[in-house]
Amino acid sequence: MKKHLLVWIFIAAFSMIKSQTLLTVDPATTYQTMVGMGGHGINTDANYIKFLFDYLGCSAYRHWIEVDECKTPHITLASINSGNIAFKDLNANAISFFNTLKSKGVTVIATPWSPPSCLKANNCVQQRVNNVCCDPCGTYNCADDLNYLKWDCIDEYARYLSLWAKDFQTKTGISLYAIAMQNEPLFNEPYASAKMFSYQYGPVLKATHDTFAKYPELQNIKFFGPEHMCNYGGNN
């Protein structure tokens, strides 16, 4: 019995070796383009640019849409309605960075970490702890059930995103490929965040689509779905 078993093992192993196919990869040939989506990391250092985009071949970059200040927010409902917002996330250093990305043909997508505080039920760009805006609780899913976009501010949020997109494209000369509605929308983070469950995500997506469709410079921007970061307590 043992001899028969050894014979069958040998035959099976020989068959596996015999059926293997030799693959030859030519490093000078592009077989597939991998489009990566990373975090926020504006840096004009020559080595950073060289290693990330030239050596690693990063072809896509995810930008963190401006987050209003915790203690002294400068974005108001009036400024959104008037279209007069002084966006601060694109200083000279950032514009130089994006000019470099444009010259290298890098695709840029954008994600908001939170709606402006004036549009949220808790009036804060992240969770409240002990009723203090942006006071960290030291973990994820801090106990703030009001950390979400107010239902009656969906249209204003869509307008805010359109204003930001137009400002970004004007200052950088880059045509945004896509934009999201909310980063990690199923739990509170100990930084800028907001909950946006599926029953609200749909209406927000439609309002944003309809708003962007009004402006020729925004009509080609796509929309991408939110990423779900595992199952933290309370969001599964």
C-alpha atoms as a PDB file:
ATOM      1  CA  MET A   1       0.000   0.000   0.000  1.00  0.00           C
ATOM      2  CA  LYS A   2       2.817   2.381   0.888  1.00  0.00           C
ATOM      3  CA  LYS A   3       4.593   1.616  -2.400  1.00  0.00           C
ATOM      4  CA  HIS A   4       1.431   2.294  -4.380  1.00  0.00           C
ATOM      5  CA  LEU A   5       0.926   5.576  -2.514  1.00  0.00           C
ATOM      6  CA  LEU A   6       4.490   6.696  -3.223  1.00  0.00           C
ATOM      7  CA  VAL A   7       4.062   5.852  -6.901  1.00  0.00           C
ATOM      8  CA  TRP A   8       0.901   7.936  -7.149  1.00  0.00           C
ATOM      9  CA  ILE A   9       2.544  10.882  -5.353  1.00  0.00           C
ATOM     10  CA  PHE A  10       5.494  10.679  -7.767  1.00  0.00           C
ATOM     11  CA  ILE A  11       3.184  10.551 -10.794  1.00  0.00           C
ATOM     12  CA  ALA A  12       1.131  13.519  -9.520  1.00  0.00           C
ATOM     13  CA  ALA A  13       4.247  15.584  -8.799  1.00  0.00           C
ATOM     14  CA  PHE A  14       5.712  14.743 -12.224  1.00  0.00           C
ATOM     15  CA  SER A  15       2.448  15.737 -13.919  1.00  0.00           C
ATOM     16  CA  MET A  16       2.429  19.107 -12.112  1.00  0.00           C
ATOM     17  CA  ILE A  17       6.019  19.822 -13.152  1.00  0.00           C
ATOM     18  CA  LYS A  18       5.320  18.725 -16.723  1.00  0.00           C
ATOM     19  CA  SER A  19       2.212  20.944 -16.996  1.00  0.00           C
ATOM     20  CA  GLN A  20       3.987  24.125 -15.865  1.00  0.00           C
ATOM     21  CA  THR A  21       4.260  26.915 -18.438  1.00  0.00           C
ATOM     22  CA  LEU A  22       7.319  29.097 -18.795  1.00  0.00           C
ATOM     23  CA  LEU A  23       6.487  32.808 -18.840  1.00  0.00           C
ATOM     24  CA  THR A  24       8.934  35.361 -20.158  1.00  0.00           C
ATOM     25  CA  VAL A  25       8.445  38.994 -19.101  1.00  0.00           C
ATOM     26  CA  ASP A  26       9.950  41.758 -21.187  1.00  0.00           C
ATOM     27  CA  PRO A  27      10.631  44.767 -18.905  1.00  0.00           C
ATOM     28  CA  ALA A  28      10.458  47.069 -21.933  1.00  0.00           C
ATOM     29  CA  THR A  29       6.855  46.066 -22.677  1.00  0.00           C
ATOM     30  CA  THR A  30       3.807  47.506 -20.885  1.00  0.00           C
ATOM     31  CA  TYR A  31       1.336  44.691 -20.306  1.00  0.00           C
ATOM     32  CA  GLN A  32      -1.079  46.419 -17.953  1.00  0.00           C
ATOM     33  CA  THR A  33      -1.418  49.854 -16.371  1.00  0.00           C
ATOM     34  CA  MET A  34      -2.173  49.763 -12.644  1.00  0.00           C
ATOM     35  CA  VAL A  35      -3.988  52.895 -11.508  1.00  0.00           C
ATOM     36  CA  GLY A  36      -3.319  53.461  -7.816  1.00  0.00           C
ATOM     37  CA  MET A  37      -5.215  55.647  -5.385  1.00  0.00           C
ATOM     38  CA  GLY A  38      -3.250  56.942  -2.432  1.00  0.00           C
ATOM     39  CA  GLY A  39      -3.586  59.384   0.403  1.00  0.00           C
ATOM     40  CA  HIS A  40      -2.881  63.067   0.739  1.00  0.00           C
ATOM     41  CA  GLY A  41       0.779  64.016   0.489  1.00  0.00           C
ATOM     42  CA  ILE A  42       1.679  67.297  -1.196  1.00  0.00           C
ATOM     43  CA  ASN A  43       5.445  67.591  -1.396  1.00  0.00           C
ATOM     44  CA  THR A  44       7.586  69.455  -3.926  1.00  0.00           C
ATOM     45  CA  ASP A  45      10.847  67.834  -2.816  1.00  0.00           C
ATOM     46  CA  ALA A  46      12.685  66.597  -5.922  1.00  0.00           C
ATOM     47  CA  ASN A  47      13.410  63.167  -4.425  1.00  0.00           C
ATOM     48  CA  TYR A  48       9.767  62.704  -3.389  1.00  0.00           C
ATOM     49  CA  ILE A  49       8.617  63.453  -6.929  1.00  0.00           C
ATOM     50  CA  LYS A  50      11.325  61.291  -8.458  1.00  0.00           C
ATOM     51  CA  PHE A  51      10.750  58.199  -6.345  1.00  0.00           C
ATOM     52  CA  LEU A  52       6.947  58.343  -6.255  1.00  0.00           C
ATOM     53  CA  PHE A  53       6.122  59.316  -9.819  1.00  0.00           C
ATOM     54  CA  ASP A  54       9.245  58.497 -11.855  1.00  0.00           C
ATOM     55  CA  TYR A  55      10.582  55.348 -10.172  1.00  0.00           C
ATOM     56  CA  LEU A  56       7.387  53.832  -8.732  1.00  0.00           C
ATOM     57  CA  GLY A  57       5.332  55.067 -11.664  1.00  0.00           C
ATOM     58  CA  CYS A  58       2.416  56.458  -9.647  1.00  0.00           C
ATOM     59  CA  SER A  59      -0.242  57.318 -12.229  1.00  0.00           C
ATOM     60  CA  ALA A  60      -3.056  58.539  -9.966  1.00  0.00           C
ATOM     61  CA  TYR A  61      -3.186  60.803  -6.934  1.00  0.00           C
ATOM     62  CA  ARG A  62      -6.000  61.325  -4.425  1.00  0.00           C
ATOM     63  CA  HIS A  63      -6.298  64.846  -3.057  1.00  0.00           C
ATOM     64  CA  TRP A  64      -7.822  65.687   0.294  1.00  0.00           C
ATOM     65  CA  ILE A  65     -10.467  68.394  -0.256  1.00  0.00           C
ATOM     66  CA  GLU A  66     -10.066  71.359   2.059  1.00  0.00           C
ATOM     67  CA  VAL A  67     -11.317  70.866   5.608  1.00  0.00           C
ATOM     68  CA  ASP A  68     -12.607  73.899   7.477  1.00  0.00           C
ATOM     69  CA  GLU A  69     -10.969  74.861  10.775  1.00  0.00           C
ATOM     70  CA  CYS A  70     -12.305  73.387  14.020  1.00  0.00           C
ATOM     71  CA  LYS A  71     -12.253  76.476  16.201  1.00  0.00           C
ATOM     72  CA  THR A  72     -12.562  79.297  13.669  1.00  0.00           C
ATOM     73  CA  PRO A  73     -14.401  78.034  10.574  1.00  0.00           C
ATOM     74  CA  HIS A  74     -14.337  80.452   7.643  1.00  0.00           C
ATOM     75  CA  ILE A  75     -16.876  78.725   5.405  1.00  0.00           C
ATOM     76  CA  THR A  76     -20.458  79.796   6.062  1.00  0.00           C
ATOM     77  CA  LEU A  77     -23.839  79.051   4.544  1.00  0.00           C
ATOM     78  CA  ALA A  78     -23.899  82.595   3.194  1.00  0.00           C
ATOM     79  CA  SER A  79     -20.509  82.213   1.496  1.00  0.00           C
ATOM     80  CA  ILE A  80     -21.611  78.932  -0.104  1.00  0.00           C
ATOM     81  CA  ASN A  81     -24.843  80.458  -1.415  1.00  0.00           C
ATOM     82  CA  SER A  82     -23.031  83.528  -2.731  1.00  0.00           C
ATOM     83  CA  GLY A  83     -20.218  81.455  -4.230  1.00  0.00           C
ATOM     84  CA  ASN A  84     -17.648  83.610  -2.460  1.00  0.00           C
ATOM     85  CA  ILE A  85     -15.360  81.157  -0.628  1.00  0.00           C
ATOM     86  CA  ALA A  86     -11.667  81.821  -0.111  1.00  0.00           C
ATOM     87  CA  PHE A  87     -10.387  78.239  -0.343  1.00  0.00           C
ATOM     88  CA  LYS A  88      -7.098  77.767   1.499  1.00  0.00           C
ATOM     89  CA  ASP A  89      -5.911  74.281   0.542  1.00  0.00           C
ATOM     90  CA  LEU A  90      -4.016  75.412  -2.555  1.00  0.00           C
ATOM     91  CA  ASN A  91      -1.086  77.605  -1.608  1.00  0.00           C
ATOM     92  CA  ALA A  92       1.900  78.263  -3.882  1.00  0.00           C
ATOM     93  CA  ASN A  93       3.582  75.027  -2.769  1.00  0.00           C
ATOM     94  CA  ALA A  94       0.495  72.951  -3.562  1.00  0.00           C
ATOM     95  CA  ILE A  95       0.008  74.599  -6.946  1.00  0.00           C
ATOM     96  CA  SER A  96       3.639  73.869  -7.837  1.00  0.00           C
ATOM     97  CA  PHE A  97       3.110  70.228  -6.836  1.00  0.00           C
ATOM     98  CA  PHE A  98       0.024  69.860  -9.010  1.00  0.00           C
ATOM     99  CA  ASN A  99       1.739  71.592 -11.926  1.00  0.00           C
ATOM    100  CA  THR A 100       4.381  68.861 -11.702  1.00  0.00           C
ATOM    101  CA  LEU A 101       1.695  66.163 -11.626  1.00  0.00           C
ATOM    102  CA  LYS A 102       0.057  67.703 -14.680  1.00  0.00           C
ATOM    103  CA  SER A 103       3.358  67.670 -16.577  1.00  0.00           C
ATOM    104  CA  LYS A 104       3.701  63.947 -15.816  1.00  0.00           C
ATOM    105  CA  GLY A 105       0.151  63.108 -16.873  1.00  0.00           C
ATOM    106  CA  VAL A 106      -0.944  61.994 -13.397  1.00  0.00           C
ATOM    107  CA  THR A 107      -4.690  61.464 -12.908  1.00  0.00           C
ATOM    108  CA  VAL A 108      -6.109  63.393  -9.933  1.00  0.00           C
ATOM    109  CA  ILE A 109      -9.189  62.434  -7.933  1.00  0.00           C
ATOM    110  CA  ALA A 110     -10.522  64.208  -4.841  1.00  0.00           C
ATOM    111  CA  THR A 111     -12.218  63.171  -1.600  1.00  0.00           C
ATOM    112  CA  PRO A 112     -13.817  65.323   1.128  1.00  0.00           C
ATOM    113  CA  TRP A 113     -13.004  64.333   4.703  1.00  0.00           C
ATOM    114  CA  SER A 114     -16.000  66.297   5.964  1.00  0.00           C
ATOM    115  CA  PRO A 115     -18.621  68.772   4.790  1.00  0.00           C
ATOM    116  CA  PRO A 116     -18.132  72.295   6.178  1.00  0.00           C
ATOM    117  CA  SER A 117     -19.242  72.536   9.804  1.00  0.00           C
ATOM    118  CA  CYS A 118     -22.082  74.929   8.911  1.00  0.00           C
ATOM    119  CA  LEU A 119     -23.763  72.106   6.950  1.00  0.00           C
ATOM    120  CA  LYS A 120     -23.533  69.456   9.670  1.00  0.00           C
ATOM    121  CA  ALA A 121     -25.883  68.514  12.488  1.00  0.00           C
ATOM    122  CA  ASN A 122     -23.117  68.798  15.107  1.00  0.00           C
ATOM    123  CA  ASN A 123     -21.727  72.056  13.640  1.00  0.00           C
ATOM    124  CA  CYS A 124     -18.207  70.577  13.657  1.00  0.00           C
ATOM    125  CA  VAL A 125     -15.888  69.181  10.970  1.00  0.00           C
ATOM    126  CA  GLN A 126     -15.313  66.035  13.026  1.00  0.00           C
ATOM    127  CA  GLN A 127     -16.880  64.359  16.033  1.00  0.00           C
ATOM    128  CA  ARG A 128     -17.741  66.212  19.222  1.00  0.00           C
ATOM    129  CA  VAL A 129     -16.526  64.774  22.526  1.00  0.00           C
ATOM    130  CA  ASN A 130     -18.143  66.077  25.719  1.00  0.00           C
ATOM    131  CA  ASN A 131     -19.770  68.664  23.442  1.00  0.00           C
ATOM    132  CA  VAL A 132     -16.348  70.030  22.450  1.00  0.00           C
ATOM    133  CA  CYS A 133     -15.722  70.314  18.711  1.00  0.00           C
ATOM    134  CA  CYS A 134     -12.675  68.341  17.539  1.00  0.00           C
ATOM    135  CA  ASP A 135     -11.841  67.147  21.051  1.00  0.00           C
ATOM    136  CA  PRO A 136     -10.288  63.695  20.410  1.00  0.00           C
ATOM    137  CA  CYS A 137     -11.690  60.672  22.199  1.00  0.00           C
ATOM    138  CA  GLY A 138      -8.564  58.696  21.331  1.00  0.00           C
ATOM    139  CA  THR A 139     -10.189  56.087  19.136  1.00  0.00           C
ATOM    140  CA  TYR A 140     -12.389  55.501  16.126  1.00  0.00           C
ATOM    141  CA  ASN A 141     -16.180  55.642  16.246  1.00  0.00           C
ATOM    142  CA  CYS A 142     -16.348  58.257  18.973  1.00  0.00           C
ATOM    143  CA  ALA A 143     -19.831  58.656  20.410  1.00  0.00           C
ATOM    144  CA  ASP A 144     -21.299  61.466  18.302  1.00  0.00           C
ATOM    145  CA  ASP A 145     -24.571  60.567  16.599  1.00  0.00           C
ATOM    146  CA  LEU A 146     -24.833  64.037  15.038  1.00  0.00           C
ATOM    147  CA  ASN A 147     -21.652  63.871  12.961  1.00  0.00           C
ATOM    148  CA  TYR A 148     -23.446  63.945   9.617  1.00  0.00           C
ATOM    149  CA  LEU A 149     -24.574  66.271   6.834  1.00  0.00           C
ATOM    150  CA  LYS A 150     -27.933  67.886   7.597  1.00  0.00           C
ATOM    151  CA  TRP A 151     -30.670  66.667   5.289  1.00  0.00           C
ATOM    152  CA  ASP A 152     -31.781  70.183   4.437  1.00  0.00           C
ATOM    153  CA  CYS A 153     -28.223  71.111   3.374  1.00  0.00           C
ATOM    154  CA  ILE A 154     -27.699  68.514   0.640  1.00  0.00           C
ATOM    155  CA  ASP A 155     -28.044  71.047  -2.182  1.00  0.00           C
ATOM    156  CA  GLU A 156     -25.679  73.444  -0.418  1.00  0.00           C
ATOM    157  CA  TYR A 157     -23.129  70.658  -0.027  1.00  0.00           C
ATOM    158  CA  ALA A 158     -23.358  69.861  -3.738  1.00  0.00           C
ATOM    159  CA  ARG A 159     -22.819  73.553  -4.492  1.00  0.00           C
ATOM    160  CA  TYR A 160     -19.835  73.650  -2.119  1.00  0.00           C
ATOM    161  CA  LEU A 161     -18.207  70.698  -3.918  1.00  0.00           C
ATOM    162  CA  SER A 162     -18.783  72.368  -7.288  1.00  0.00           C
ATOM    163  CA  LEU A 163     -17.222  75.612  -6.050  1.00  0.00           C
ATOM    164  CA  TRP A 164     -14.204  73.730  -4.748  1.00  0.00           C
ATOM    165  CA  ALA A 165     -13.801  71.767  -7.993  1.00  0.00           C
ATOM    166  CA  LYS A 166     -13.915  74.930 -10.104  1.00  0.00           C
ATOM    167  CA  ASP A 167     -11.404  76.640  -7.809  1.00  0.00           C
ATOM    168  CA  PHE A 168      -9.049  73.642  -7.946  1.00  0.00           C
ATOM    169  CA  GLN A 169      -9.148  73.356 -11.721  1.00  0.00           C
ATOM    170  CA  THR A 170      -8.668  77.091 -12.223  1.00  0.00           C
ATOM    171  CA  LYS A 171      -5.636  77.291  -9.920  1.00  0.00           C
ATOM    172  CA  THR A 172      -3.892  74.089 -11.034  1.00  0.00           C
ATOM    173  CA  GLY A 173      -4.918  73.748 -14.667  1.00  0.00           C
ATOM    174  CA  ILE A 174      -5.757  70.099 -13.949  1.00  0.00           C
ATOM    175  CA  SER A 175      -9.014  68.536 -15.076  1.00  0.00           C
ATOM    176  CA  LEU A 176     -10.256  66.445 -12.161  1.00  0.00           C
ATOM    177  CA  TYR A 177     -10.959  62.858 -13.144  1.00  0.00           C
ATOM    178  CA  ALA A 178     -13.379  62.064 -10.319  1.00  0.00           C
ATOM    179  CA  ILE A 179     -14.673  63.231  -6.969  1.00  0.00           C
ATOM    180  CA  ALA A 180     -16.243  61.395  -4.001  1.00  0.00           C
ATOM    181  CA  MET A 181     -19.027  62.470  -1.673  1.00  0.00           C
ATOM    182  CA  GLN A 182     -17.436  61.450   1.637  1.00  0.00           C
ATOM    183  CA  ASN A 183     -14.299  59.704   2.869  1.00  0.00           C
ATOM    184  CA  GLU A 184     -14.841  56.588   5.047  1.00  0.00           C
ATOM    185  CA  PRO A 185     -18.540  57.333   5.620  1.00  0.00           C
ATOM    186  CA  LEU A 186     -19.566  54.634   8.086  1.00  0.00           C
ATOM    187  CA  PHE A 187     -17.910  55.748  11.304  1.00  0.00           C
ATOM    188  CA  ASN A 188     -16.505  58.739  13.189  1.00  0.00           C
ATOM    189  CA  GLU A 189     -12.763  59.232  12.974  1.00  0.00           C
ATOM    190  CA  PRO A 190     -10.578  61.138  15.479  1.00  0.00           C
ATOM    191  CA  TYR A 191      -9.965  63.674  12.692  1.00  0.00           C
ATOM    192  CA  ALA A 192     -12.146  65.408  10.100  1.00  0.00           C
ATOM    193  CA  SER A 193     -14.980  63.017   9.279  1.00  0.00           C
ATOM    194  CA  ALA A 194     -18.701  62.563   8.794  1.00  0.00           C
ATOM    195  CA  LYS A 195     -21.135  59.685   8.600  1.00  0.00           C
ATOM    196  CA  MET A 196     -22.987  59.299   5.316  1.00  0.00           C
ATOM    197  CA  PHE A 197     -24.970  56.077   5.146  1.00  0.00           C
ATOM    198  CA  SER A 198     -26.415  54.660   1.925  1.00  0.00           C
ATOM    199  CA  TYR A 199     -29.853  56.220   2.370  1.00  0.00           C
ATOM    200  CA  GLN A 200     -28.243  59.678   2.377  1.00  0.00           C
ATOM    201  CA  TYR A 201     -25.384  58.944  -0.011  1.00  0.00           C
ATOM    202  CA  GLY A 202     -27.814  58.422  -2.897  1.00  0.00           C
ATOM    203  CA  PRO A 203     -29.532  61.826  -2.615  1.00  0.00           C
ATOM    204  CA  VAL A 204     -26.157  63.547  -2.117  1.00  0.00           C
ATOM    205  CA  LEU A 205     -24.743  61.849  -5.216  1.00  0.00           C
ATOM    206  CA  LYS A 206     -27.748  62.886  -7.328  1.00  0.00           C
ATOM    207  CA  ALA A 207     -27.636  66.483  -6.097  1.00  0.00           C
ATOM    208  CA  THR A 208     -23.903  66.699  -6.798  1.00  0.00           C
ATOM    209  CA  HIS A 209     -24.298  65.162 -10.260  1.00  0.00           C
ATOM    210  CA  ASP A 210     -27.088  67.594 -11.140  1.00  0.00           C
ATOM    211  CA  THR A 211     -25.105  70.571  -9.852  1.00  0.00           C
ATOM    212  CA  PHE A 212     -21.923  69.639 -11.722  1.00  0.00           C
ATOM    213  CA  ALA A 213     -23.965  69.134 -14.906  1.00  0.00           C
ATOM    214  CA  LYS A 214     -24.819  72.852 -14.905  1.00  0.00           C
ATOM    215  CA  TYR A 215     -21.202  73.871 -15.508  1.00  0.00           C
ATOM    216  CA  PRO A 216     -19.371  72.906 -18.740  1.00  0.00           C
ATOM    217  CA  GLU A 217     -16.011  72.773 -16.951  1.00  0.00           C
ATOM    218  CA  LEU A 218     -17.356  70.184 -14.471  1.00  0.00           C
ATOM    219  CA  GLN A 219     -19.493  68.011 -16.744  1.00  0.00           C
ATOM    220  CA  ASN A 220     -16.771  65.444 -17.458  1.00  0.00           C
ATOM    221  CA  ILE A 221     -15.906  64.824 -13.802  1.00  0.00           C
ATOM    222  CA  LYS A 222     -16.868  61.333 -12.657  1.00  0.00           C
ATOM    223  CA  PHE A 223     -18.064  60.269  -9.217  1.00  0.00           C
ATOM    224  CA  PHE A 224     -16.672  57.330  -7.265  1.00  0.00           C
ATOM    225  CA  GLY A 225     -18.037  55.421  -4.327  1.00  0.00           C
ATOM    226  CA  PRO A 226     -16.761  55.551  -0.759  1.00  0.00           C
ATOM    227  CA  GLU A 227     -14.340  53.063   0.734  1.00  0.00           C
ATOM    228  CA  HIS A 228     -15.510  51.013   3.722  1.00  0.00           C
ATOM    229  CA  MET A 229     -12.699  50.641   6.264  1.00  0.00           C
ATOM    230  CA  CYS A 230     -13.477  47.291   7.945  1.00  0.00           C
ATOM    231  CA  ASN A 231     -16.028  46.795  10.695  1.00  0.00           C
ATOM    232  CA  TYR A 232     -15.497  49.117  13.606  1.00  0.00           C
ATOM    233  CA  GLY A 233     -18.024  48.758  16.391  1.00  0.00           C
ATOM    234  CA  GLY A 234     -21.327  50.329  15.472  1.00  0.00           C
ATOM    235  CA  ASN A 235     -20.984  50.424  11.690  1.00  0.00           C
ATOM    236  CA  ASN A 236     -21.411  46.786  10.726  1.00  0.00           C
END
